[in-house]
Each structure stands twice: as C-alpha cells, then as structure tokens.
Amino acid sequence: MTPSVPTTVGPDKAPYPTSFAHIVELITTGQPIPGIREIPNKLSEEKPSESVQSKRKKPWETQAIVAGAASAGGETL
C-alpha cells in the first residue's frame, strides 16, 4: 500500500489525502465505495420471535415489594 500524500489546494480548501479525496469523489458522484457492503434499506419479512424472558419490574413495583416485606415484619434494607 502506498502512503497517501496530501494534495496541494488553494487557501480556501484544506489539504486532504488523495485517498480521502477519492472517497469524497465517489460519494458525491453516487458510485459504490470499494470495501463497503451495500445493505438493503428494508425490514425483515419474517414474523417476529416470541419473547422468552419475563418482563422486568418497574422501580416503583420493586419498592412496593420491599416496603411490603418491611411492614410485614421482615428485615429492612
């Protein structure tokens, strides 16, 4: 692989490596970039899987369980 050398441009533009300038040119012209996989922009057509885990308790539900155990004569945390 050859090292990229910054190109010299006018004072209003920053010097970019040749490889970066080439990638920018590919993007602006709508051409595919080598090494980048094209992923289709669509959702899966398969049926969603069923949930196997139980739902997590919400913070106020867990506090109610702790408070209920404390008022029933259990130890407090």
N, C-alpha and C. Protein backbone atom coordinates (compact mmCIF):
# COMPACT_ATOMS: atom_id res chain seq x y z
N MET A 1 0.85 -1.18 0.00
CA MET A 1 0.00 0.00 0.00
C MET A 1 0.89 1.24 0.00
N THR A 2 0.62 2.16 -0.84
CA THR A 2 1.41 3.37 -0.91
C THR A 2 0.85 4.41 0.04
N PRO A 3 1.73 5.15 0.72
CA PRO A 3 1.23 6.18 1.64
C PRO A 3 0.56 7.29 0.87
N SER A 4 -0.52 7.81 1.45
CA SER A 4 -1.22 8.90 0.78
C SER A 4 -0.51 10.20 1.06
N VAL A 5 -0.33 10.98 0.04
CA VAL A 5 0.37 12.26 0.15
C VAL A 5 -0.66 13.36 0.07
N PRO A 6 -0.60 14.34 1.00
CA PRO A 6 -1.58 15.43 0.92
C PRO A 6 -1.45 16.18 -0.40
N THR A 7 -2.59 16.52 -0.96
CA THR A 7 -2.59 17.28 -2.21
C THR A 7 -2.52 18.76 -1.88
N THR A 8 -1.97 19.53 -2.76
CA THR A 8 -1.91 20.97 -2.55
C THR A 8 -3.11 21.61 -3.23
N VAL A 9 -3.83 22.40 -2.46
CA VAL A 9 -5.02 23.07 -2.98
C VAL A 9 -4.94 24.54 -2.59
N GLY A 10 -5.93 25.28 -3.01
CA GLY A 10 -5.97 26.71 -2.73
C GLY A 10 -6.11 27.00 -1.25
N PRO A 11 -5.98 28.27 -0.84
CA PRO A 11 -6.05 28.64 0.57
C PRO A 11 -7.42 28.45 1.20
N ASP A 12 -8.47 28.38 0.39
CA ASP A 12 -9.82 28.24 0.94
C ASP A 12 -10.20 26.79 1.21
N LYS A 13 -9.38 25.84 0.77
CA LYS A 13 -9.68 24.43 0.99
C LYS A 13 -8.57 23.78 1.78
N ALA A 14 -8.95 22.84 2.66
CA ALA A 14 -7.96 22.12 3.45
C ALA A 14 -7.31 21.03 2.60
N PRO A 15 -6.04 20.74 2.83
CA PRO A 15 -5.40 19.66 2.07
C PRO A 15 -5.86 18.30 2.60
N TYR A 16 -6.39 17.47 1.74
CA TYR A 16 -6.84 16.14 2.13
C TYR A 16 -5.95 15.11 1.44
N PRO A 17 -5.78 13.96 2.07
CA PRO A 17 -5.02 12.91 1.40
C PRO A 17 -5.72 12.50 0.11
N THR A 18 -4.95 12.00 -0.84
CA THR A 18 -5.52 11.60 -2.13
C THR A 18 -6.60 10.56 -1.94
N SER A 19 -6.39 9.61 -1.03
CA SER A 19 -7.39 8.57 -0.83
C SER A 19 -8.70 9.16 -0.31
N PHE A 20 -8.62 10.13 0.59
CA PHE A 20 -9.82 10.76 1.11
C PHE A 20 -10.54 11.53 0.01
N ALA A 21 -9.79 12.24 -0.79
CA ALA A 21 -10.37 12.99 -1.90
C ALA A 21 -11.06 12.04 -2.88
N HIS A 22 -10.48 10.88 -3.09
CA HIS A 22 -11.08 9.89 -3.99
C HIS A 22 -12.40 9.37 -3.40
N ILE A 23 -12.42 9.11 -2.10
CA ILE A 23 -13.64 8.64 -1.45
C ILE A 23 -14.72 9.71 -1.52
N VAL A 24 -14.35 10.96 -1.30
CA VAL A 24 -15.32 12.06 -1.39
C VAL A 24 -15.89 12.13 -2.80
N GLU A 25 -15.04 11.96 -3.79
CA GLU A 25 -15.50 11.99 -5.18
C GLU A 25 -16.47 10.85 -5.46
N LEU A 26 -16.18 9.65 -4.93
CA LEU A 26 -17.09 8.52 -5.12
C LEU A 26 -18.44 8.78 -4.48
N ILE A 27 -18.42 9.37 -3.29
CA ILE A 27 -19.67 9.65 -2.57
C ILE A 27 -20.48 10.70 -3.31
N THR A 28 -19.84 11.77 -3.72
CA THR A 28 -20.57 12.86 -4.37
C THR A 28 -21.11 12.47 -5.74
N THR A 29 -20.47 11.52 -6.41
CA THR A 29 -20.97 11.08 -7.71
C THR A 29 -21.90 9.89 -7.60
N GLY A 30 -22.10 9.36 -6.37
CA GLY A 30 -23.04 8.26 -6.17
C GLY A 30 -22.49 6.90 -6.56
N GLN A 31 -21.19 6.78 -6.70
CA GLN A 31 -20.59 5.50 -7.06
C GLN A 31 -20.36 4.66 -5.80
N PRO A 32 -20.33 3.33 -5.95
CA PRO A 32 -20.07 2.48 -4.77
C PRO A 32 -18.63 2.63 -4.30
N ILE A 33 -18.43 2.55 -2.99
CA ILE A 33 -17.10 2.66 -2.41
C ILE A 33 -16.54 1.26 -2.24
N PRO A 34 -15.34 1.00 -2.74
CA PRO A 34 -14.76 -0.34 -2.61
C PRO A 34 -14.58 -0.73 -1.14
N GLY A 35 -14.95 -1.97 -0.83
CA GLY A 35 -14.80 -2.47 0.53
C GLY A 35 -15.98 -2.19 1.43
N ILE A 36 -16.97 -1.43 0.97
CA ILE A 36 -18.16 -1.14 1.77
C ILE A 36 -19.31 -1.98 1.23
N ARG A 37 -19.91 -2.74 2.13
CA ARG A 37 -21.00 -3.63 1.75
C ARG A 37 -22.30 -2.84 1.62
N GLU A 38 -23.06 -3.11 0.59
CA GLU A 38 -24.35 -2.45 0.37
C GLU A 38 -25.42 -3.21 1.14
N ILE A 39 -26.09 -2.55 2.06
CA ILE A 39 -27.13 -3.17 2.87
C ILE A 39 -28.47 -2.63 2.40
N PRO A 40 -29.40 -3.51 2.03
CA PRO A 40 -30.70 -3.02 1.56
C PRO A 40 -31.47 -2.32 2.68
N ASN A 41 -32.21 -1.29 2.32
CA ASN A 41 -32.96 -0.49 3.27
C ASN A 41 -34.38 -1.02 3.38
N LYS A 42 -34.52 -2.22 3.97
CA LYS A 42 -35.85 -2.81 4.16
C LYS A 42 -35.86 -3.64 5.43
N LEU A 43 -37.03 -3.83 5.98
CA LEU A 43 -37.19 -4.63 7.18
C LEU A 43 -37.31 -6.10 6.83
N SER A 44 -37.05 -6.94 7.81
CA SER A 44 -37.19 -8.38 7.61
C SER A 44 -38.66 -8.72 7.41
N GLU A 45 -38.91 -9.66 6.52
CA GLU A 45 -40.28 -10.07 6.25
C GLU A 45 -40.72 -11.23 7.12
N GLU A 46 -39.81 -11.74 7.96
CA GLU A 46 -40.15 -12.85 8.84
C GLU A 46 -40.99 -12.37 10.03
N LYS A 47 -41.76 -13.30 10.60
CA LYS A 47 -42.57 -13.00 11.77
C LYS A 47 -41.64 -12.79 12.97
N PRO A 48 -41.89 -11.78 13.81
CA PRO A 48 -41.03 -11.57 14.98
C PRO A 48 -41.07 -12.76 15.93
N SER A 49 -39.97 -13.02 16.61
CA SER A 49 -39.92 -14.14 17.55
C SER A 49 -40.68 -13.78 18.82
N GLU A 50 -41.12 -14.79 19.53
CA GLU A 50 -41.84 -14.60 20.79
C GLU A 50 -40.83 -14.32 21.90
N SER A 51 -41.23 -13.50 22.86
CA SER A 51 -40.38 -13.18 23.99
C SER A 51 -40.28 -14.38 24.92
N VAL A 52 -39.09 -14.67 25.42
CA VAL A 52 -38.91 -15.83 26.30
C VAL A 52 -38.59 -15.40 27.73
N GLN A 53 -38.20 -14.17 27.95
CA GLN A 53 -37.90 -13.69 29.29
C GLN A 53 -39.10 -12.98 29.88
N SER A 54 -39.19 -13.03 31.22
CA SER A 54 -40.27 -12.31 31.88
C SER A 54 -39.95 -10.82 31.88
N LYS A 55 -40.99 -10.00 32.00
CA LYS A 55 -40.81 -8.56 31.99
C LYS A 55 -40.12 -8.12 33.28
N ARG A 56 -39.25 -7.12 33.17
CA ARG A 56 -38.60 -6.57 34.35
C ARG A 56 -39.61 -5.76 35.15
N LYS A 57 -39.47 -5.79 36.47
CA LYS A 57 -40.34 -4.98 37.30
C LYS A 57 -39.88 -3.53 37.24
N LYS A 58 -40.82 -2.64 37.27
CA LYS A 58 -40.52 -1.21 37.25
C LYS A 58 -40.06 -0.79 38.64
N PRO A 59 -39.30 0.31 38.75
CA PRO A 59 -38.74 0.70 40.05
C PRO A 59 -39.79 0.82 41.15
N TRP A 60 -40.97 1.37 40.85
CA TRP A 60 -41.98 1.53 41.89
C TRP A 60 -42.60 0.18 42.28
N GLU A 61 -42.54 -0.81 41.37
CA GLU A 61 -43.05 -2.14 41.72
C GLU A 61 -42.07 -2.85 42.65
N THR A 62 -40.78 -2.70 42.44
CA THR A 62 -39.80 -3.35 43.32
C THR A 62 -39.78 -2.67 44.67
N GLN A 63 -39.98 -1.33 44.73
CA GLN A 63 -40.02 -0.63 46.01
C GLN A 63 -41.25 -1.04 46.81
N ALA A 64 -42.36 -1.30 46.14
CA ALA A 64 -43.58 -1.73 46.82
C ALA A 64 -43.38 -3.11 47.45
N ILE A 65 -42.65 -3.98 46.78
CA ILE A 65 -42.40 -5.32 47.32
C ILE A 65 -41.50 -5.22 48.54
N VAL A 66 -40.46 -4.39 48.50
CA VAL A 66 -39.56 -4.20 49.64
C VAL A 66 -40.31 -3.57 50.79
N ALA A 67 -41.14 -2.56 50.52
CA ALA A 67 -41.91 -1.90 51.57
C ALA A 67 -42.93 -2.86 52.17
N GLY A 68 -43.52 -3.70 51.36
CA GLY A 68 -44.49 -4.67 51.85
C GLY A 68 -43.83 -5.70 52.76
N ALA A 69 -42.62 -6.12 52.44
CA ALA A 69 -41.90 -7.08 53.28
C ALA A 69 -41.49 -6.43 54.59
N ALA A 70 -41.13 -5.15 54.56
CA ALA A 70 -40.73 -4.45 55.79
C ALA A 70 -41.92 -4.27 56.72
N SER A 71 -43.08 -3.96 56.16
CA SER A 71 -44.26 -3.74 57.01
C SER A 71 -44.84 -5.05 57.51
N ALA A 72 -44.49 -6.16 56.89
CA ALA A 72 -44.99 -7.46 57.33
C ALA A 72 -44.08 -8.07 58.39
N GLY A 73 -43.12 -7.32 58.91
CA GLY A 73 -42.25 -7.81 59.97
C GLY A 73 -40.92 -8.32 59.46
N GLY A 74 -40.65 -8.14 58.19
CA GLY A 74 -39.36 -8.57 57.64
C GLY A 74 -38.28 -7.56 57.97
N GLU A 75 -37.05 -7.92 57.70
CA GLU A 75 -35.95 -7.01 57.96
C GLU A 75 -35.95 -5.88 56.93
N THR A 76 -35.50 -4.70 57.37
CA THR A 76 -35.38 -3.59 56.45
C THR A 76 -34.00 -3.59 55.81
N LEU A 77 -33.93 -3.03 54.66
CA LEU A 77 -32.64 -3.00 53.96
C LEU A 77 -31.88 -1.76 54.26
